[in-house]
C-alpha atoms as a PDB file:
ATOM      1  CA  MET A   1      -3.301  14.096 -92.331  1.00  0.00           C
ATOM      2  CA  THR A   2      -5.824  11.276 -91.889  1.00  0.00           C
ATOM      3  CA  GLU A   3      -9.202  11.588 -90.199  1.00  0.00           C
ATOM      4  CA  ALA A   4      -7.834   9.541 -87.288  1.00  0.00           C
ATOM      5  CA  ASP A   5      -4.934  11.983 -86.911  1.00  0.00           C
ATOM      6  CA  ARG A   6      -7.322  14.940 -86.884  1.00  0.00           C
ATOM      7  CA  THR A   7      -9.429  13.229 -84.237  1.00  0.00           C
ATOM      8  CA  ARG A   8      -6.371  12.632 -82.053  1.00  0.00           C
ATOM      9  CA  GLU A   9      -5.326  16.269 -82.337  1.00  0.00           C
ATOM     10  CA  ARG A  10      -8.827  17.379 -81.405  1.00  0.00           C
ATOM     11  CA  LEU A  11      -8.823  15.084 -78.381  1.00  0.00           C
ATOM     12  CA  ILE A  12      -5.446  16.372 -77.216  1.00  0.00           C
ATOM     13  CA  GLU A  13      -6.523  20.003 -77.447  1.00  0.00           C
ATOM     14  CA  THR A  14      -9.903  19.283 -75.847  1.00  0.00           C
ATOM     15  CA  TYR A  15      -8.409  17.519 -72.847  1.00  0.00           C
ATOM     16  CA  ARG A  16      -5.596  20.016 -72.444  1.00  0.00           C
ATOM     17  CA  ARG A  17      -8.306  22.614 -71.901  1.00  0.00           C
ATOM     18  CA  LYS A  18     -10.228  20.354 -69.552  1.00  0.00           C
ATOM     19  CA  ALA A  19      -7.305  19.011 -67.507  1.00  0.00           C
ATOM     20  CA  ALA A  20      -7.097  21.701 -64.819  1.00  0.00           C
ATOM     21  CA  HIS A  21     -10.723  21.246 -63.767  1.00  0.00           C
ATOM     22  CA  TYR A  22     -11.375  17.712 -64.980  1.00  0.00           C
ATOM     23  CA  ASP A  23     -11.751  16.096 -61.553  1.00  0.00           C
ATOM     24  CA  VAL A  24     -14.469  18.595 -60.638  1.00  0.00           C
ATOM     25  CA  THR A  25     -16.312  18.711 -63.959  1.00  0.00           C
ATOM     26  CA  SER A  26     -16.297  14.927 -64.330  1.00  0.00           C
ATOM     27  CA  ARG A  27     -18.516  14.716 -61.251  1.00  0.00           C
ATOM     28  CA  LEU A  28     -21.102  16.761 -63.129  1.00  0.00           C
ATOM     29  CA  SER A  29     -20.975  14.767 -66.369  1.00  0.00           C
ATOM     30  CA  PRO A  30     -23.196  13.940 -68.098  1.00  0.00           C
ATOM     31  CA  VAL A  31     -25.505  15.408 -65.434  1.00  0.00           C
ATOM     32  CA  PRO A  32     -25.000  16.271 -61.743  1.00  0.00           C
ATOM     33  CA  GLY A  33     -25.468  13.172 -59.619  1.00  0.00           C
ATOM     34  CA  TYR A  34     -24.641  10.717 -62.412  1.00  0.00           C
ATOM     35  CA  PRO A  35     -23.267   7.540 -60.727  1.00  0.00           C
ATOM     36  CA  GLN A  36     -19.819   7.667 -62.260  1.00  0.00           C
ATOM     37  CA  HIS A  37     -18.003   6.400 -59.162  1.00  0.00           C
ATOM     38  CA  GLY A  38     -20.322   3.424 -58.819  1.00  0.00           C
ATOM     39  CA  GLN A  39     -19.886   2.567 -62.484  1.00  0.00           C
ATOM     40  CA  ARG A  40     -16.098   2.769 -62.178  1.00  0.00           C
ATOM     41  CA  LEU A  41     -16.296   0.404 -59.210  1.00  0.00           C
ATOM     42  CA  LEU A  42     -18.335  -2.086 -61.265  1.00  0.00           C
ATOM     43  CA  ALA A  43     -15.709  -1.947 -64.027  1.00  0.00           C
ATOM     44  CA  VAL A  44     -12.853  -2.608 -61.601  1.00  0.00           C
ATOM     45  CA  ARG A  45     -14.756  -5.519 -60.038  1.00  0.00           C
ATOM     46  CA  ALA A  46     -15.316  -6.990 -63.515  1.00  0.00           C
ATOM     47  CA  LEU A  47     -11.542  -7.401 -63.809  1.00  0.00           C
ATOM     48  CA  GLY A  48     -11.450  -9.955 -60.957  1.00  0.00           C
ATOM     49  CA  LEU A  49      -8.188  -8.507 -59.672  1.00  0.00           C
ATOM     50  CA  HIS A  50      -5.982 -10.100 -57.036  1.00  0.00           C
ATOM     51  CA  ALA A  51      -3.204  -8.783 -54.834  1.00  0.00           C
ATOM     52  CA  GLY A  52      -0.034  -8.271 -56.865  1.00  0.00           C
ATOM     53  CA  ALA A  53      -1.789  -7.995 -60.239  1.00  0.00           C
ATOM     54  CA  THR A  54      -0.574  -5.756 -63.072  1.00  0.00           C
ATOM     55  CA  VAL A  55      -3.232  -3.509 -64.608  1.00  0.00           C
ATOM     56  CA  VAL A  56      -3.052  -1.200 -67.622  1.00  0.00           C
ATOM     57  CA  ASP A  57      -5.475   1.737 -67.383  1.00  0.00           C
ATOM     58  CA  LEU A  58      -5.935   2.932 -70.978  1.00  0.00           C
ATOM     59  CA  ALA A  59      -6.861   6.605 -71.425  1.00  0.00           C
ATOM     60  CA  CYS A  60      -6.401   6.961 -67.670  1.00  0.00           C
ATOM     61  CA  GLY A  61      -6.878  10.737 -67.674  1.00  0.00           C
ATOM     62  CA  THR A  62      -6.123  12.234 -64.261  1.00  0.00           C
ATOM     63  CA  GLY A  63      -6.083   8.825 -62.593  1.00  0.00           C
ATOM     64  CA  LEU A  64      -9.623   8.665 -61.227  1.00  0.00           C
ATOM     65  CA  ASN A  65      -9.498   4.844 -61.321  1.00  0.00           C
ATOM     66  CA  PHE A  66      -6.198   4.533 -59.473  1.00  0.00           C
ATOM     67  CA  ALA A  67      -7.523   4.461 -55.903  1.00  0.00           C
ATOM     68  CA  LEU A  68     -10.029   1.729 -56.783  1.00  0.00           C
ATOM     69  CA  LEU A  69      -7.317  -0.293 -58.510  1.00  0.00           C
ATOM     70  CA  GLU A  70      -4.880   0.162 -55.627  1.00  0.00           C
ATOM     71  CA  ARG A  71      -7.398  -1.285 -53.182  1.00  0.00           C
ATOM     72  CA  ALA A  72      -7.700  -4.377 -55.356  1.00  0.00           C
ATOM     73  CA  ILE A  73      -4.035  -5.033 -56.187  1.00  0.00           C
ATOM     74  CA  GLY A  74      -2.262  -3.698 -53.107  1.00  0.00           C
ATOM     75  CA  PRO A  75       1.302  -2.357 -52.913  1.00  0.00           C
ATOM     76  CA  ARG A  76       2.747  -5.453 -54.606  1.00  0.00           C
ATOM     77  CA  GLY A  77       0.630  -4.836 -57.683  1.00  0.00           C
ATOM     78  CA  ARG A  78       1.391  -2.506 -60.555  1.00  0.00           C
ATOM     79  CA  ILE A  79      -0.618   0.104 -62.460  1.00  0.00           C
ATOM     80  CA  VAL A  80       0.408   1.419 -65.866  1.00  0.00           C
ATOM     81  CA  GLY A  81      -1.570   4.542 -66.702  1.00  0.00           C
ATOM     82  CA  VAL A  82      -1.645   5.434 -70.406  1.00  0.00           C
ATOM     83  CA  ASP A  83      -3.026   8.658 -71.842  1.00  0.00           C
ATOM     84  CA  LEU A  84      -2.678  10.688 -75.030  1.00  0.00           C
ATOM     85  CA  THR A  85      -2.666  14.094 -73.340  1.00  0.00           C
ATOM     86  CA  ASP A  86       0.299  15.496 -71.425  1.00  0.00           C
ATOM     87  CA  ALA A  87      -1.814  17.819 -69.284  1.00  0.00           C
ATOM     88  CA  MET A  88      -4.019  14.972 -68.072  1.00  0.00           C
ATOM     89  CA  LEU A  89      -0.976  12.881 -67.193  1.00  0.00           C
ATOM     90  CA  ALA A  90       0.498  15.799 -65.247  1.00  0.00           C
ATOM     91  CA  ARG A  91      -2.642  15.782 -63.099  1.00  0.00           C
ATOM     92  CA  ALA A  92      -2.396  12.010 -62.737  1.00  0.00           C
ATOM     93  CA  GLU A  93       1.205  12.357 -61.574  1.00  0.00           C
ATOM     94  CA  ARG A  94       0.143  14.826 -58.883  1.00  0.00           C
ATOM     95  CA  ARG A  95      -2.485  12.340 -57.709  1.00  0.00           C
ATOM     96  CA  VAL A  96       0.087   9.554 -57.513  1.00  0.00           C
ATOM     97  CA  GLU A  97       2.562  11.698 -55.597  1.00  0.00           C
ATOM     98  CA  ALA A  98      -0.089  12.951 -53.162  1.00  0.00           C
ATOM     99  CA  ALA A  99      -1.201   9.390 -52.409  1.00  0.00           C
ATOM    100  CA  GLY A 100       2.359   8.093 -52.109  1.00  0.00           C
ATOM    101  CA  TRP A 101       1.832   5.264 -54.587  1.00  0.00           C
ATOM    102  CA  SER A 102       5.176   3.860 -55.703  1.00  0.00           C
ATOM    103  CA  ASN A 103       3.710   1.204 -58.003  1.00  0.00           C
ATOM    104  CA  VAL A 104       2.237   3.466 -60.708  1.00  0.00           C
ATOM    105  CA  ARG A 105       3.944   4.195 -64.027  1.00  0.00           C
ATOM    106  CA  LEU A 106       2.528   6.831 -66.371  1.00  0.00           C
ATOM    107  CA  VAL A 107       3.026   6.694 -70.133  1.00  0.00           C
ATOM    108  CA  GLN A 108       2.034   9.260 -72.756  1.00  0.00           C
ATOM    109  CA  ALA A 109       0.921   7.262 -75.783  1.00  0.00           C
ATOM    110  CA  ASP A 110      -1.874   6.679 -78.259  1.00  0.00           C
ATOM    111  CA  ALA A 111      -3.931   3.730 -77.015  1.00  0.00           C
ATOM    112  CA  ALA A 112      -3.811   2.082 -80.453  1.00  0.00           C
ATOM    113  CA  GLY A 113      -0.015   2.271 -80.633  1.00  0.00           C
ATOM    114  CA  PHE A 114       0.839   1.561 -76.993  1.00  0.00           C
ATOM    115  CA  ASP A 115       3.504  -1.116 -76.473  1.00  0.00           C
ATOM    116  CA  PHE A 116       2.005  -3.207 -73.682  1.00  0.00           C
ATOM    117  CA  PRO A 117       4.358  -4.576 -71.027  1.00  0.00           C
ATOM    118  CA  THR A 118       4.622  -8.322 -70.501  1.00  0.00           C
ATOM    119  CA  GLY A 119       2.716 -10.081 -67.757  1.00  0.00           C
ATOM    120  CA  VAL A 120      -0.432  -7.959 -67.905  1.00  0.00           C
ATOM    121  CA  ASP A 121      -3.269  -9.381 -65.801  1.00  0.00           C
ATOM    122  CA  ALA A 122      -5.952  -6.851 -66.706  1.00  0.00           C
ATOM    123  CA  VAL A 123      -6.738  -3.904 -68.967  1.00  0.00           C
ATOM    124  CA  LEU A 124      -9.271  -1.224 -68.061  1.00  0.00           C
ATOM    125  CA  SER A 125     -10.675   1.726 -69.981  1.00  0.00           C
ATOM    126  CA  THR A 126     -13.354   4.070 -68.646  1.00  0.00           C
ATOM    127  CA  TYR A 127     -15.288   6.873 -70.349  1.00  0.00           C
ATOM    128  CA  ALA A 128     -12.844   7.223 -73.241  1.00  0.00           C
ATOM    129  CA  LEU A 129     -12.780   4.457 -75.824  1.00  0.00           C
ATOM    130  CA  THR A 130     -15.848   5.532 -77.821  1.00  0.00           C
ATOM    131  CA  GLN A 131     -13.891   8.669 -78.797  1.00  0.00           C
ATOM    132  CA  VAL A 132     -10.653   6.878 -79.678  1.00  0.00           C
ATOM    133  CA  PRO A 133      -9.904   6.173 -83.358  1.00  0.00           C
ATOM    134  CA  ASP A 134      -9.149   2.504 -84.139  1.00  0.00           C
ATOM    135  CA  ARG A 135     -11.019   1.439 -80.987  1.00  0.00           C
ATOM    136  CA  GLY A 136     -11.438  -2.098 -82.322  1.00  0.00           C
ATOM    137  CA  LEU A 137      -7.679  -2.349 -82.841  1.00  0.00           C
ATOM    138  CA  VAL A 138      -7.100  -1.094 -79.293  1.00  0.00           C
ATOM    139  CA  ILE A 139      -9.180  -3.960 -77.903  1.00  0.00           C
ATOM    140  CA  ALA A 140      -7.413  -6.526 -80.098  1.00  0.00           C
ATOM    141  CA  HIS A 141      -3.982  -5.291 -78.960  1.00  0.00           C
ATOM    142  CA  ALA A 142      -5.070  -5.235 -75.321  1.00  0.00           C
ATOM    143  CA  ALA A 143      -6.421  -8.779 -75.517  1.00  0.00           C
ATOM    144  CA  ALA A 144      -3.198 -10.000 -77.154  1.00  0.00           C
ATOM    145  CA  ALA A 145      -1.157  -8.505 -74.289  1.00  0.00           C
ATOM    146  CA  LEU A 146      -3.100 -10.273 -71.544  1.00  0.00           C
ATOM    147  CA  GLY A 147      -1.648 -13.330 -69.884  1.00  0.00           C
ATOM    148  CA  PRO A 148      -3.571 -16.575 -69.230  1.00  0.00           C
ATOM    149  CA  GLY A 149      -6.855 -15.775 -67.528  1.00  0.00           C
ATOM    150  CA  GLY A 150      -6.341 -12.051 -68.028  1.00  0.00           C
ATOM    151  CA  ARG A 151      -9.406  -9.844 -68.225  1.00  0.00           C
ATOM    152  CA  LEU A 152     -10.424  -6.642 -70.006  1.00  0.00           C
ATOM    153  CA  ALA A 153     -13.207  -4.229 -69.083  1.00  0.00           C
ATOM    154  CA  VAL A 154     -14.465  -1.190 -70.975  1.00  0.00           C
ATOM    155  CA  LEU A 155     -16.891   1.279 -69.419  1.00  0.00           C
ATOM    156  CA  ASP A 156     -18.203   4.168 -71.473  1.00  0.00           C
ATOM    157  CA  LEU A 157     -21.180   6.311 -72.296  1.00  0.00           C
ATOM    158  CA  LYS A 158     -23.687   5.633 -75.056  1.00  0.00           C
ATOM    159  CA  ILE A 159     -26.975   6.906 -76.348  1.00  0.00           C
ATOM    160  CA  PRO A 160     -30.041   4.928 -75.193  1.00  0.00           C
ATOM    161  CA  SER A 161     -32.151   3.204 -77.834  1.00  0.00           C
ATOM    162  CA  VAL A 162     -34.928   5.728 -77.219  1.00  0.00           C
ATOM    163  CA  THR A 163     -33.316   9.136 -76.740  1.00  0.00           C
ATOM    164  CA  PRO A 164     -35.361  12.075 -75.422  1.00  0.00           C
ATOM    165  CA  ARG A 165     -34.527  15.540 -76.727  1.00  0.00           C
ATOM    166  CA  TRP A 166     -32.961  16.720 -73.438  1.00  0.00           C
ATOM    167  CA  LEU A 167     -30.577  13.753 -73.398  1.00  0.00           C
ATOM    168  CA  SER A 168     -29.459  14.416 -76.967  1.00  0.00           C
ATOM    169  CA  ARG A 169     -28.514  17.972 -76.027  1.00  0.00           C
ATOM    170  CA  LEU A 170     -26.593  16.754 -72.993  1.00  0.00           C
ATOM    171  CA  GLY A 171     -24.813  14.286 -75.237  1.00  0.00           C
ATOM    172  CA  VAL A 172     -22.868  17.128 -76.873  1.00  0.00           C
ATOM    173  CA  ALA A 173     -21.134  17.758 -73.552  1.00  0.00           C
ATOM    174  CA  VAL A 174     -20.783  14.030 -72.850  1.00  0.00           C
ATOM    175  CA  VAL A 175     -18.749  13.219 -75.944  1.00  0.00           C
ATOM    176  CA  GLY A 176     -16.917  16.551 -75.962  1.00  0.00           C
ATOM    177  CA  VAL A 177     -17.550  17.228 -79.633  1.00  0.00           C
ATOM    178  CA  GLY A 178     -18.843  20.754 -79.264  1.00  0.00           C
ATOM    179  CA  SER A 179     -21.615  20.723 -81.879  1.00  0.00           C
ATOM    180  CA  SER A 180     -24.897  18.985 -82.589  1.00  0.00           C
ATOM    181  CA  ALA A 181     -23.599  17.943 -86.022  1.00  0.00           C
ATOM    182  CA  SER A 182     -20.642  16.145 -84.453  1.00  0.00           C
ATOM    183  CA  LEU A 183     -22.941  14.520 -81.926  1.00  0.00           C
ATOM    184  CA  ASP A 184     -25.165  13.272 -84.729  1.00  0.00           C
ATOM    185  CA  GLU A 185     -22.091  11.754 -86.373  1.00  0.00           C
ATOM    186  CA  TRP A 186     -21.070  10.077 -83.095  1.00  0.00           C
ATOM    187  CA  ILE A 187     -24.556   8.614 -82.698  1.00  0.00           C
ATOM    188  CA  ALA A 188     -24.587   7.428 -86.313  1.00  0.00           C
ATOM    189  CA  ARG A 189     -21.245   5.656 -85.859  1.00  0.00           C
ATOM    190  CA  ARG A 190     -22.493   3.888 -82.703  1.00  0.00           C
ATOM    191  CA  PRO A 191     -18.933   3.275 -81.441  1.00  0.00           C
ATOM    192  CA  TRP A 192     -20.222   1.217 -78.512  1.00  0.00           C
ATOM    193  CA  GLU A 193     -21.364  -1.446 -80.965  1.00  0.00           C
ATOM    194  CA  GLU A 194     -17.899  -1.603 -82.507  1.00  0.00           C
ATOM    195  CA  ILE A 195     -16.429  -2.041 -79.036  1.00  0.00           C
ATOM    196  CA  ARG A 196     -18.933  -4.787 -78.238  1.00  0.00           C
ATOM    197  CA  MET A 197     -18.130  -6.697 -81.432  1.00  0.00           C
ATOM    198  CA  ALA A 198     -14.361  -6.287 -80.973  1.00  0.00           C
ATOM    199  CA  ALA A 199     -14.585  -7.637 -77.425  1.00  0.00           C
ATOM    200  CA  ARG A 200     -16.579 -10.643 -78.614  1.00  0.00           C
ATOM    201  CA  SER A 201     -13.998 -11.319 -81.345  1.00  0.00           C
ATOM    202  CA  SER A 202     -10.955 -11.015 -79.075  1.00  0.00           C
ATOM    203  CA  LEU A 203     -12.188 -12.382 -75.738  1.00  0.00           C
ATOM    204  CA  ALA A 204     -14.015 -15.354 -74.284  1.00  0.00           C
ATOM    205  CA  GLU A 205     -17.031 -15.285 -71.982  1.00  0.00           C
ATOM    206  CA  THR A 206     -17.799 -11.658 -72.723  1.00  0.00           C
ATOM    207  CA  SER A 207     -20.417  -9.849 -70.678  1.00  0.00           C
ATOM    208  CA  TRP A 208     -22.393  -6.793 -71.805  1.00  0.00           C
ATOM    209  CA  ALA A 209     -24.443  -4.648 -69.453  1.00  0.00           C
ATOM    210  CA  GLU A 210     -26.263  -1.390 -70.079  1.00  0.00           C
ATOM    211  CA  LEU A 211     -26.216   0.954 -67.098  1.00  0.00           C
ATOM    212  CA  CYS A 212     -28.299   3.902 -65.922  1.00  0.00           C
ATOM    213  CA  PHE A 213     -31.198   3.527 -68.381  1.00  0.00           C
ATOM    214  CA  GLY A 214     -28.897   2.752 -71.301  1.00  0.00           C
ATOM    215  CA  THR A 215     -26.727   5.884 -70.987  1.00  0.00           C
ATOM    216  CA  ALA A 216     -23.613   3.774 -70.286  1.00  0.00           C
ATOM    217  CA  PHE A 217     -22.322   0.269 -70.955  1.00  0.00           C
ATOM    218  CA  LEU A 218     -19.852  -2.129 -69.397  1.00  0.00           C
ATOM    219  CA  VAL A 219     -18.334  -4.878 -71.525  1.00  0.00           C
ATOM    220  CA  SER A 220     -15.828  -7.329 -70.086  1.00  0.00           C
ATOM    221  CA  GLY A 221     -14.273 -10.688 -70.798  1.00  0.00           C
ATOM    222  CA  ARG A 222     -11.184 -12.833 -70.426  1.00  0.00           C
ATOM    223  CA  VAL A 223      -8.637 -14.072 -72.940  1.00  0.00           C
ATOM    224  CA  ARG A 224      -9.150 -17.446 -74.542  1.00  0.00           C
ATOM    225  CA  GLY A 225      -7.054 -20.425 -73.554  1.00  0.00           C
END
């Protein structure tokens, strides 16, 4: 088993445990009052969506982005929610059914191996990609699936350049690794930099913004041509 396979298994087990209470606990992460909803809204706006657009939400979790996307694309649009964990998708399905959305399709798949549908106008990923193995490959595949003028946006957490001790401790909960040693490894890898470079390589007119004192980032861009 490769290191990437072990990471995927860990993510599946971690989010199976978290699924039942994820919508509640996410409001408290990384700290109570963190502006997650506002950051999600910024990410959706960065996609420049129009009515009738098709959006792929990678690592969609329980579907916390769906309502924001629905407002932008309307009933003629289409959302494809992709997640690795069955328990998270079960929660997403309940959300879809409760809201009565008939334009959402849910797919259980690894983001790196997902077979994108044709005619994709936008790809979104929030608070997930820094933990995904082969994250650079995910961005390359997503960019290749976008149609002319299509846009991609990735929102995720990061460690600020100057990290106080209290923020480092909170980071263990943020990245879901469960130990300070694993957090140190995550910081050393600096996955947000890999995402930034992959976006610049695969997209045109990329934009990078650090949010909330450098504890999060939003990178976006459109396909070339």
